PDB file of N, CA and C in Angstrom:
ATOM      1  N   UNK A   1      -2.110   5.119  16.627  1.00  0.00           N
ATOM      2  CA  UNK A   1      -2.991   6.428  16.916  1.00  0.00           C
ATOM      3  C   UNK A   1      -3.255   7.309  15.662  1.00  0.00           C
ATOM      4  N   UNK A   2      -2.356   7.452  14.675  1.00  0.00           N
ATOM      5  CA  UNK A   2      -2.693   8.382  13.961  1.00  0.00           C
ATOM      6  C   UNK A   2      -4.054   7.813  12.803  1.00  0.00           C
ATOM      7  N   UNK A   3      -3.794   6.792  12.714  1.00  0.00           N
ATOM      8  CA  UNK A   3      -4.745   5.962  12.245  1.00  0.00           C
ATOM      9  C   UNK A   3      -6.200   6.374  12.447  1.00  0.00           C
ATOM     10  N   UNK A   4      -6.205   6.127  13.744  1.00  0.00           N
ATOM     11  CA  UNK A   4      -7.403   6.802  14.553  1.00  0.00           C
ATOM     12  C   UNK A   4      -7.725   7.999  13.946  1.00  0.00           C
ATOM     13  N   UNK A   5      -6.914   9.086  14.135  1.00  0.00           N
ATOM     14  CA  UNK A   5      -7.371  10.527  13.908  1.00  0.00           C
ATOM     15  C   UNK A   5      -7.156  10.615  12.524  1.00  0.00           C
ATOM     16  N   UNK A   6      -6.868  10.312  12.212  1.00  0.00           N
ATOM     17  CA  UNK A   6      -7.375  10.412  10.271  1.00  0.00           C
ATOM     18  C   UNK A   6      -8.828   9.864   9.747  1.00  0.00           C
ATOM     19  N   UNK A   7      -8.869   8.879  10.235  1.00  0.00           N
ATOM     20  CA  UNK A   7      -9.890   8.375  10.177  1.00  0.00           C
ATOM     21  C   UNK A   7     -11.422   8.741  11.091  1.00  0.00           C
ATOM     22  N   UNK A   8     -11.200   9.674  12.322  1.00  0.00           N
ATOM     23  CA  UNK A   8     -12.246   9.961  13.191  1.00  0.00           C
ATOM     24  C   UNK A   8     -12.579   8.620  13.627  1.00  0.00           C
ATOM     25  N   UNK A   9     -11.476   7.913  14.345  1.00  0.00           N
ATOM     26  CA  UNK A   9     -11.599   7.104  15.088  1.00  0.00           C
ATOM     27  C   UNK A   9     -13.127   6.058  13.903  1.00  0.00           C
ATOM     28  N   UNK A  10     -12.632   5.653  12.527  1.00  0.00           N
ATOM     29  CA  UNK A  10     -13.393   4.887  12.011  1.00  0.00           C
ATOM     30  C   UNK A  10     -14.967   5.123  11.837  1.00  0.00           C
ATOM     31  N   UNK A  11     -15.814   6.157  12.537  1.00  0.00           N
ATOM     32  CA  UNK A  11     -16.663   6.789  12.871  1.00  0.00           C
ATOM     33  C   UNK A  11     -17.478   6.087  11.668  1.00  0.00           C
ATOM     34  N   UNK A  12     -17.289   6.491  10.151  1.00  0.00           N
ATOM     35  CA  UNK A  12     -17.754   6.146   9.125  1.00  0.00           C
ATOM     36  C   UNK A  12     -18.174   5.186   8.514  1.00  0.00           C
ATOM     37  N   UNK A  13     -18.914   4.603   7.869  1.00  0.00           N
ATOM     38  CA  UNK A  13     -18.871   2.966   7.167  1.00  0.00           C
ATOM     39  C   UNK A  13     -17.360   2.763   6.054  1.00  0.00           C
ATOM     40  N   UNK A  14     -16.435   2.591   6.691  1.00  0.00           N
ATOM     41  CA  UNK A  14     -14.591   2.809   5.926  1.00  0.00           C
ATOM     42  C   UNK A  14     -14.363   1.833   5.487  1.00  0.00           C
ATOM     43  N   UNK A  15     -14.257   0.809   4.300  1.00  0.00           N
ATOM     44  CA  UNK A  15     -14.074  -0.204   4.071  1.00  0.00           C
ATOM     45  C   UNK A  15     -12.530  -0.100   3.825  1.00  0.00           C
ATOM     46  N   UNK A  16     -12.209  -1.583   3.675  1.00  0.00           N
ATOM     47  CA  UNK A  16     -10.223  -1.918   2.968  1.00  0.00           C
ATOM     48  C   UNK A  16     -10.273  -1.139   2.290  1.00  0.00           C
ATOM     49  N   UNK A  17     -10.871  -1.624   1.406  1.00  0.00           N
ATOM     50  CA  UNK A  17     -10.096  -0.384  -0.340  1.00  0.00           C
ATOM     51  C   UNK A  17      -9.903   0.816   0.095  1.00  0.00           C
ATOM     52  N   UNK A  18     -11.209   1.848   0.241  1.00  0.00           N
ATOM     53  CA  UNK A  18     -11.196   2.777   0.467  1.00  0.00           C
ATOM     54  C   UNK A  18      -9.877   3.491   1.477  1.00  0.00           C
ATOM     55  N   UNK A  19      -9.771   2.896   2.856  1.00  0.00           N
ATOM     56  CA  UNK A  19      -9.044   2.936   3.965  1.00  0.00           C
ATOM     57  C   UNK A  19      -7.014   2.897   2.757  1.00  0.00           C
ATOM     58  N   UNK A  20      -7.395   1.307   2.026  1.00  0.00           N
ATOM     59  CA  UNK A  20      -5.854   1.753   1.385  1.00  0.00           C
ATOM     60  C   UNK A  20      -5.818   2.616   0.646  1.00  0.00           C
ATOM     61  N   UNK A  21      -6.852   3.345  -0.291  1.00  0.00           N
ATOM     62  CA  UNK A  21      -6.654   3.804  -1.081  1.00  0.00           C
ATOM     63  C   UNK A  21      -6.420   5.427  -0.587  1.00  0.00           C
ATOM     64  N   UNK A  22      -7.176   5.608   0.976  1.00  0.00           N
ATOM     65  CA  UNK A  22      -6.792   7.244   1.224  1.00  0.00           C
ATOM     66  C   UNK A  22      -5.256   6.905   1.625  1.00  0.00           C
ATOM     67  N   UNK A  23      -4.782   5.395   2.014  1.00  0.00           N
ATOM     68  CA  UNK A  23      -3.279   5.548   3.030  1.00  0.00           C
ATOM     69  C   UNK A  23      -1.882   5.692   1.260  1.00  0.00           C
ATOM     70  N   UNK A  24      -2.684   5.434   0.540  1.00  0.00           N
ATOM     71  CA  UNK A  24      -1.941   5.457  -0.519  1.00  0.00           C
ATOM     72  C   UNK A  24      -0.946   4.085  -0.870  1.00  0.00           C
ATOM     73  N   UNK A  25      -1.755   2.866  -0.127  1.00  0.00           N
ATOM     74  CA  UNK A  25      -0.496   1.986  -0.667  1.00  0.00           C
ATOM     75  C   UNK A  25      -1.412   0.887  -2.255  1.00  0.00           C
ATOM     76  N   UNK A  26      -2.552   1.701  -2.545  1.00  0.00           N
ATOM     77  CA  UNK A  26      -2.623   1.099  -3.918  1.00  0.00           C
ATOM     78  C   UNK A  26      -2.605   2.355  -5.210  1.00  0.00           C
ATOM     79  N   UNK A  27      -1.570   1.414  -6.217  1.00  0.00           N
ATOM     80  CA  UNK A  27      -1.333   2.037  -7.194  1.00  0.00           C
ATOM     81  C   UNK A  27      -2.439   2.332  -8.208  1.00  0.00           C
ATOM     82  N   UNK A  28      -2.495   3.338  -8.998  1.00  0.00           N
ATOM     83  CA  UNK A  28      -3.324   3.364 -10.082  1.00  0.00           C
ATOM     84  C   UNK A  28      -3.104   3.700 -11.718  1.00  0.00           C
ATOM     85  N   UNK A  29      -3.539   3.272 -12.200  1.00  0.00           N
ATOM     86  CA  UNK A  29      -2.708   2.716 -13.663  1.00  0.00           C
ATOM     87  C   UNK A  29      -2.936   3.921 -14.296  1.00  0.00           C
ATOM     88  N   UNK A  30      -2.396   4.762 -15.521  1.00  0.00           N
ATOM     89  CA  UNK A  30      -3.015   5.577 -16.080  1.00  0.00           C
ATOM     90  C   UNK A  30      -3.157   4.811 -17.886  1.00  0.00           C
ATOM     91  N   UNK A  31      -4.673   4.879 -18.369  1.00  0.00           N
ATOM     92  CA  UNK A  31      -5.207   4.663 -19.136  1.00  0.00           C
ATOM     93  C   UNK A  31      -5.807   4.807 -20.250  1.00  0.00           C
ATOM     94  N   UNK A  32      -5.650   4.669 -21.423  1.00  0.00           N
ATOM     95  CA  UNK A  32      -7.108   5.599 -21.877  1.00  0.00           C
ATOM     96  C   UNK A  32      -7.139   4.845 -23.473  1.00  0.00           C
ATOM     97  N   UNK A  33      -8.567   3.912 -23.184  1.00  0.00           N
ATOM     98  CA  UNK A  33      -8.589   3.016 -23.933  1.00  0.00           C
ATOM     99  C   UNK A  33      -7.917   1.382 -23.653  1.00  0.00           C
ATOM    100  N   UNK A  34      -7.124   1.334 -24.759  1.00  0.00           N
ATOM    101  CA  UNK A  34      -6.575  -0.465 -24.442  1.00  0.00           C
ATOM    102  C   UNK A  34      -4.874   0.120 -24.423  1.00  0.00           C
ATOM    103  N   UNK A  35      -4.670   1.524 -24.358  1.00  0.00           N
ATOM    104  CA  UNK A  35      -3.117   1.891 -24.158  1.00  0.00           C
ATOM    105  C   UNK A  35      -2.454   1.853 -22.602  1.00  0.00           C
ATOM    106  N   UNK A  36      -1.775   1.614 -21.746  1.00  0.00           N
ATOM    107  CA  UNK A  36      -1.353   2.078 -20.680  1.00  0.00           C
ATOM    108  C   UNK A  36       0.000   2.792 -20.458  1.00  0.00           C
ATOM    109  N   UNK A  37      -0.151   3.993 -19.961  1.00  0.00           N
ATOM    110  CA  UNK A  37       0.623   5.110 -19.825  1.00  0.00           C
ATOM    111  C   UNK A  37       1.714   5.047 -19.076  1.00  0.00           C
ATOM    112  N   UNK A  38       2.921   4.674 -19.356  1.00  0.00           N
ATOM    113  CA  UNK A  38       3.550   5.069 -17.567  1.00  0.00           C
ATOM    114  C   UNK A  38       3.723   4.108 -16.792  1.00  0.00           C
ATOM    115  N   UNK A  39       4.565   4.256 -15.159  1.00  0.00           N
ATOM    116  CA  UNK A  39       4.154   3.602 -14.629  1.00  0.00           C
ATOM    117  C   UNK A  39       2.934   3.222 -13.765  1.00  0.00           C
ATOM    118  N   UNK A  40       2.400   2.578 -12.851  1.00  0.00           N
ATOM    119  CA  UNK A  40       1.658   3.169 -11.930  1.00  0.00           C
ATOM    120  C   UNK A  40       1.885   3.637 -11.191  1.00  0.00           C
ATOM    121  N   UNK A  41       0.506   4.685 -10.445  1.00  0.00           N
ATOM    122  CA  UNK A  41       1.295   5.850  -9.986  1.00  0.00           C
ATOM    123  C   UNK A  41      -0.149   6.198  -8.563  1.00  0.00           C
ATOM    124  N   UNK A  42       0.591   6.431  -7.322  1.00  0.00           N
ATOM    125  CA  UNK A  42      -0.250   6.481  -6.123  1.00  0.00           C
ATOM    126  C   UNK A  42      -0.996   7.675  -6.019  1.00  0.00           C
ATOM    127  N   UNK A  43      -2.662   8.188  -6.012  1.00  0.00           N
ATOM    128  CA  UNK A  43      -3.342   9.263  -6.099  1.00  0.00           C
ATOM    129  C   UNK A  43      -2.692   9.980  -5.061  1.00  0.00           C
ATOM    130  N   UNK A  44      -3.078  11.471  -6.373  1.00  0.00           N
ATOM    131  CA  UNK A  44      -2.800  12.474  -4.953  1.00  0.00           C
ATOM    132  C   UNK A  44      -3.530  12.671  -4.141  1.00  0.00           C
ATOM    133  N   UNK A  45      -4.429  12.389  -3.922  1.00  0.00           N
ATOM    134  CA  UNK A  45      -5.359  12.177  -2.634  1.00  0.00           C
ATOM    135  C   UNK A  45      -4.745  11.974  -1.553  1.00  0.00           C
ATOM    136  N   UNK A  46      -3.759  10.671  -1.938  1.00  0.00           N
ATOM    137  CA  UNK A  46      -3.812   9.763  -0.287  1.00  0.00           C
ATOM    138  C   UNK A  46      -3.236  10.672   0.079  1.00  0.00           C
ATOM    139  N   UNK A  47      -2.995  10.676   1.732  1.00  0.00           N
ATOM    140  CA  UNK A  47      -2.523  10.802   2.619  1.00  0.00           C
ATOM    141  C   UNK A  47      -0.758  10.825   3.262  1.00  0.00           C
ATOM    142  N   UNK A  48      -0.110  11.321   2.559  1.00  0.00           N
ATOM    143  CA  UNK A  48       1.432  11.166   2.658  1.00  0.00           C
ATOM    144  C   UNK A  48       1.835  10.222   3.676  1.00  0.00           C
ATOM    145  N   UNK A  49       1.110  11.365   4.924  1.00  0.00           N
ATOM    146  CA  UNK A  49       2.075  10.832   6.371  1.00  0.00           C
ATOM    147  C   UNK A  49       1.632   9.413   6.740  1.00  0.00           C
ATOM    148  N   UNK A  50       0.722   9.670   6.590  1.00  0.00           N
ATOM    149  CA  UNK A  50      -0.288   8.088   6.776  1.00  0.00           C
ATOM    150  C   UNK A  50       0.741   7.234   6.342  1.00  0.00           C
ATOM    151  N   UNK A  51       0.871   7.228   4.890  1.00  0.00           N
ATOM    152  CA  UNK A  51       1.899   6.038   4.273  1.00  0.00           C
ATOM    153  C   UNK A  51       3.567   5.555   4.571  1.00  0.00           C
ATOM    154  N   UNK A  52       3.499   7.261   5.157  1.00  0.00           N
ATOM    155  CA  UNK A  52       5.231   7.267   5.633  1.00  0.00           C
ATOM    156  C   UNK A  52       4.548   6.403   7.048  1.00  0.00           C
ATOM    157  N   UNK A  53       3.772   6.648   7.794  1.00  0.00           N
ATOM    158  CA  UNK A  53       4.003   6.281   8.632  1.00  0.00           C
ATOM    159  C   UNK A  53       3.436   4.376   9.089  1.00  0.00           C
ATOM    160  N   UNK A  54       2.775   3.761   7.649  1.00  0.00           N
ATOM    161  CA  UNK A  54       3.053   2.368   7.807  1.00  0.00           C
ATOM    162  C   UNK A  54       4.106   2.120   7.142  1.00  0.00           C
ATOM    163  N   UNK A  55       4.597   2.946   6.764  1.00  0.00           N
ATOM    164  CA  UNK A  55       6.321   2.141   6.045  1.00  0.00           C
ATOM    165  C   UNK A  55       7.395   2.089   6.662  1.00  0.00           C
ATOM    166  N   UNK A  56       7.101   3.151   7.966  1.00  0.00           N
ATOM    167  CA  UNK A  56       7.941   2.811   8.814  1.00  0.00           C
ATOM    168  C   UNK A  56       7.584   1.643  10.177  1.00  0.00           C
ATOM    169  N   UNK A  57       5.995   1.448   9.697  1.00  0.00           N
ATOM    170  CA  UNK A  57       5.448   0.261  10.726  1.00  0.00           C
ATOM    171  C   UNK A  57       5.993  -1.266  10.231  1.00  0.00           C
ATOM    172  N   UNK A  58       6.068  -0.775   8.825  1.00  0.00           N
ATOM    173  CA  UNK A  58       6.324  -2.628   8.298  1.00  0.00           C
ATOM    174  C   UNK A  58       7.547  -2.725   8.576  1.00  0.00           C
ATOM    175  N   UNK A  59       8.247  -1.673   8.286  1.00  0.00           N
ATOM    176  CA  UNK A  59       9.986  -1.344   8.890  1.00  0.00           C
ATOM    177  C   UNK A  59      10.487  -2.115  10.674  1.00  0.00           C
ATOM    178  N   UNK A  60       9.930  -1.400  10.607  1.00  0.00           N
ATOM    179  CA  UNK A  60      10.154  -2.080  12.134  1.00  0.00           C
ATOM    180  C   UNK A  60      10.123  -3.255  12.659  1.00  0.00           C
ATOM    181  N   UNK A  61       8.478  -4.142  12.220  1.00  0.00           N
ATOM    182  CA  UNK A  61       7.872  -5.084  12.149  1.00  0.00           C
ATOM    183  C   UNK A  61       9.043  -5.754  11.646  1.00  0.00           C
ATOM    184  N   UNK A  62       9.741  -6.053  10.599  1.00  0.00           N
ATOM    185  CA  UNK A  62      10.454  -6.862   9.862  1.00  0.00           C
ATOM    186  C   UNK A  62      11.746  -6.794  10.578  1.00  0.00           C
ATOM    187  N   UNK A  63      12.332  -5.739  10.856  1.00  0.00           N
ATOM    188  CA  UNK A  63      13.172  -5.432  12.013  1.00  0.00           C
ATOM    189  C   UNK A  63      13.304  -6.431  13.303  1.00  0.00           C
ATOM    190  N   UNK A  64      12.182  -6.283  13.900  1.00  0.00           N
ATOM    191  CA  UNK A  64      12.164  -7.154  15.569  1.00  0.00           C
ATOM    192  C   UNK A  64      11.393  -8.191  15.460  1.00  0.00           C
ATOM    193  N   UNK A  65      10.613  -8.810  14.346  1.00  0.00           N
ATOM    194  CA  UNK A  65       9.694  -9.598  14.674  1.00  0.00           C
ATOM    195  C   UNK A  65      10.282 -11.072  13.828  1.00  0.00           C
ATOM    196  N   UNK A  66      10.465 -11.944  14.030  1.00  0.00           N
ATOM    197  CA  UNK A  66      11.329 -13.044  12.785  1.00  0.00           C
ATOM    198  C   UNK A  66      10.097 -13.609  11.916  1.00  0.00           C
ATOM    199  N   UNK A  67       8.805 -13.456  12.377  1.00  0.00           N
ATOM    200  CA  UNK A  67       7.791 -14.162  11.477  1.00  0.00           C
ATOM    201  C   UNK A  67       7.305 -13.084  10.227  1.00  0.00           C
ATOM    202  N   UNK A  68       7.810 -11.626  10.281  1.00  0.00           N
ATOM    203  CA  UNK A  68       7.461 -10.590   9.549  1.00  0.00           C
ATOM    204  C   UNK A  68       8.373 -10.473   8.687  1.00  0.00           C
ATOM    205  N   UNK A  69      10.049 -10.925   8.935  1.00  0.00           N
ATOM    206  CA  UNK A  69      11.013 -10.858   8.229  1.00  0.00           C
ATOM    207  C   UNK A  69      10.788 -12.122   7.710  1.00  0.00           C
ATOM    208  N   UNK A  70      10.752 -13.421   7.783  1.00  0.00           N
ATOM    209  CA  UNK A  70      10.476 -14.289   7.047  1.00  0.00           C
ATOM    210  C   UNK A  70       9.611 -14.091   6.112  1.00  0.00           C
ATOM    211  N   UNK A  71       8.471 -13.054   6.010  1.00  0.00           N
ATOM    212  CA  UNK A  71       7.677 -13.172   4.972  1.00  0.00           C
ATOM    213  C   UNK A  71       8.001 -12.342   3.796  1.00  0.00           C
ATOM    214  N   UNK A  72       8.762 -10.953   5.162  1.00  0.00           N
ATOM    215  CA  UNK A  72       9.377 -10.627   3.640  1.00  0.00           C
ATOM    216  C   UNK A  72      10.287 -10.739   2.532  1.00  0.00           C
ATOM    217  N   UNK A  73      11.166 -11.611   3.122  1.00  0.00           N
ATOM    218  CA  UNK A  73      12.254 -12.616   2.919  1.00  0.00           C
ATOM    219  C   UNK A  73      11.252 -13.324   1.479  1.00  0.00           C
ATOM    220  N   UNK A  74      10.845 -14.092   2.239  1.00  0.00           N
ATOM    221  CA  UNK A  74       9.969 -14.985   1.120  1.00  0.00           C
ATOM    222  C   UNK A  74       9.179 -14.272  -0.162  1.00  0.00           C
ATOM    223  N   UNK A  75       8.601 -13.080   0.306  1.00  0.00           N
ATOM    224  CA  UNK A  75       8.081 -12.359  -0.897  1.00  0.00           C
ATOM    225  C   UNK A  75       8.891 -11.839  -2.026  1.00  0.00           C
ATOM    226  N   UNK A  76      10.542 -11.342  -1.184  1.00  0.00           N
ATOM    227  CA  UNK A  76      11.322 -10.791  -1.948  1.00  0.00           C
ATOM    228  C   UNK A  76      11.752 -11.672  -2.885  1.00  0.00           C
ATOM    229  N   UNK A  77      12.251 -12.665  -2.659  1.00  0.00           N
ATOM    230  CA  UNK A  77      12.754 -14.146  -3.741  1.00  0.00           C
ATOM    231  C   UNK A  77      11.671 -14.638  -4.359  1.00  0.00           C
ATOM    232  N   UNK A  78      10.232 -13.731  -4.345  1.00  0.00           N
ATOM    233  CA  UNK A  78       9.626 -15.002  -4.876  1.00  0.00           C
ATOM    234  C   UNK A  78       9.488 -14.318  -6.257  1.00  0.00           C
ATOM    235  N   UNK A  79       9.675 -15.627  -7.305  1.00  0.00           N
ATOM    236  CA  UNK A  79       9.462 -15.571  -8.350  1.00  0.00           C
ATOM    237  C   UNK A  79       8.677 -14.910  -9.269  1.00  0.00           C
ATOM    238  N   UNK A  80       8.487 -13.342  -9.947  1.00  0.00           N
ATOM    239  CA  UNK A  80       7.318 -13.063 -10.827  1.00  0.00           C
ATOM    240  C   UNK A  80       7.125 -13.427 -11.622  1.00  0.00           C
ATOM    241  N   UNK A  81       6.124 -14.060 -12.264  1.00  0.00           N
ATOM    242  CA  UNK A  81       6.128 -14.018 -14.025  1.00  0.00           C
ATOM    243  C   UNK A  81       5.287 -13.481 -14.675  1.00  0.00           C
ATOM    244  N   UNK A  82       5.701 -12.737 -15.826  1.00  0.00           N
ATOM    245  CA  UNK A  82       4.575 -11.821 -16.750  1.00  0.00           C
ATOM    246  C   UNK A  82       3.778 -12.420 -17.678  1.00  0.00           C
ATOM    247  N   UNK A  83       3.128 -12.205 -18.162  1.00  0.00           N
ATOM    248  CA  UNK A  83       2.164 -12.937 -18.968  1.00  0.00           C
ATOM    249  C   UNK A  83       2.275 -11.809 -20.617  1.00  0.00           C
ATOM    250  N   UNK A  84       2.488 -13.327 -21.470  1.00  0.00           N
ATOM    251  CA  UNK A  84       2.989 -12.360 -22.754  1.00  0.00           C
ATOM    252  C   UNK A  84       1.841 -12.498 -23.433  1.00  0.00           C
ATOM    253  N   UNK A  85       0.891 -12.191 -24.166  1.00  0.00           N
ATOM    254  CA  UNK A  85       0.294 -12.541 -25.262  1.00  0.00           C
ATOM    255  C   UNK A  85       1.140 -12.317 -26.816  1.00  0.00           C
TER     256      UNK A  85
END
């Protein structure tokens, strides 16, 4: 319900990328030329309340639905390799 209110019932042409950025789930990197400065951060314009709601929905899905719990566990234990040049 909160998502529908925030997006005005998706009245405008909202893409998935725009909604993800607005919800604050897309990290932005601070870079200048070839140097990357610090950690990735969420946009200051992101809707923090919407991000909190999505986080709570995800936690509830992991707790009560086995397919979400399996996916979360699989992703959590997945080895992430770094690329070094």
